[in-house]
Amino acid sequence: MEQMALYHNLQYNSSEEKNPRLVFYNEDEEVVKTVRVKKMKSADISSLLDSLGFYKKSQKGEEVPEDFQHLPLRAPRDEL
């Protein structure tokens, strides 16, 4: 979870511990895509988030550049 805390615009909800998943929302807070991550390793989840354009800070407390404040760069697609 420490790695996930470095990603901007990503929130962790511990209520899904038995069936962990990533839920992607659009700017209207509508669910766009859900990915089950129970069998994924943290490196796999990081790779997925990187591929979707989520900004990853190099350390906690780092400021997120203004260009990245409202992103991931690419929206999740059905092919995930």
Protein backbone atom coordinates (compact mmCIF):
# COMPACT_ATOMS: atom_id res chain seq x y z
CA MET A 1 0.00 0.00 0.00
CA GLU A 2 2.95 2.34 0.49
CA GLN A 3 3.63 2.21 -3.28
CA MET A 4 -0.01 2.99 -4.05
CA ALA A 5 0.13 6.06 -1.79
CA LEU A 6 2.61 7.62 -4.23
CA TYR A 7 0.06 7.72 -7.06
CA HIS A 8 -1.85 10.95 -7.54
CA ASN A 9 -5.66 10.75 -7.84
CA LEU A 10 -5.74 7.23 -6.41
CA GLN A 11 -7.64 6.40 -3.24
CA TYR A 12 -7.48 3.18 -1.23
CA ASN A 13 -10.60 1.78 0.39
CA SER A 14 -9.90 -1.08 2.81
CA SER A 15 -13.51 -2.31 2.76
CA GLU A 16 -12.73 -4.46 -0.30
CA GLU A 17 -9.89 -6.49 1.27
CA LYS A 18 -11.49 -9.87 0.44
CA ASN A 19 -12.17 -8.87 -3.15
CA PRO A 20 -9.68 -6.08 -3.88
CA ARG A 21 -10.23 -4.14 -7.07
CA LEU A 22 -9.35 -0.92 -8.79
CA VAL A 23 -12.35 1.16 -9.69
CA PHE A 24 -11.83 3.91 -12.25
CA TYR A 25 -14.16 6.91 -12.34
CA ASN A 26 -14.56 9.66 -14.90
CA GLU A 27 -14.74 13.34 -13.98
CA ASP A 28 -18.49 12.97 -13.35
CA GLU A 29 -17.69 10.26 -10.77
CA GLU A 30 -19.26 7.53 -12.92
CA VAL A 31 -17.59 4.11 -12.91
CA VAL A 32 -15.68 3.61 -16.16
CA LYS A 33 -13.83 0.37 -15.45
CA THR A 34 -13.27 -2.13 -12.64
CA VAL A 35 -10.18 -4.37 -12.44
CA ARG A 36 -9.89 -7.19 -9.90
CA VAL A 37 -6.43 -7.18 -8.35
CA LYS A 38 -6.56 -10.09 -5.88
CA LYS A 39 -4.12 -12.19 -7.92
CA MET A 40 -1.95 -9.25 -9.04
CA LYS A 41 1.36 -8.39 -7.43
CA SER A 42 2.05 -4.79 -6.47
CA ALA A 43 4.48 -4.47 -9.41
CA ASP A 44 1.67 -5.53 -11.78
CA ILE A 45 -0.69 -2.95 -10.28
CA SER A 46 1.98 -0.26 -10.56
CA SER A 47 2.57 -1.18 -14.20
CA LEU A 48 -1.15 -0.94 -14.90
CA LEU A 49 -1.42 2.48 -13.24
CA ASP A 50 1.68 3.70 -15.09
CA SER A 51 0.26 2.50 -18.41
CA LEU A 52 -2.94 4.45 -17.72
CA GLY A 53 -1.00 7.65 -17.09
CA PHE A 54 -1.36 8.03 -13.34
CA TYR A 55 1.27 10.40 -11.95
CA LYS A 56 3.58 8.71 -9.44
CA LYS A 57 5.44 10.84 -6.92
CA SER A 58 9.03 9.89 -6.14
CA GLN A 59 8.35 10.32 -2.40
CA LYS A 60 5.53 11.15 0.00
CA GLY A 61 4.84 14.84 0.32
CA GLU A 62 6.15 15.67 -3.14
CA GLU A 63 4.14 18.33 -4.93
CA VAL A 64 2.28 17.16 -8.03
CA PRO A 65 3.00 19.40 -11.05
CA GLU A 66 0.01 21.49 -12.07
CA ASP A 67 -0.12 19.78 -15.48
CA PHE A 68 -0.87 16.48 -13.71
CA GLN A 69 -3.40 17.67 -11.11
CA HIS A 70 -6.54 16.41 -12.88
CA LEU A 71 -5.20 13.39 -14.68
CA PRO A 72 -4.44 10.26 -15.45
CA LEU A 73 -3.36 11.04 -18.97
CA ARG A 74 -5.39 8.30 -20.63
CA ALA A 75 -8.78 6.98 -19.59
CA PRO A 76 -9.11 3.25 -18.89
CA ARG A 77 -10.36 1.32 -21.89
CA ASP A 78 -12.40 -1.85 -22.14
CA GLU A 79 -9.36 -3.79 -23.35
CA LEU A 80 -7.80 -3.79 -19.85
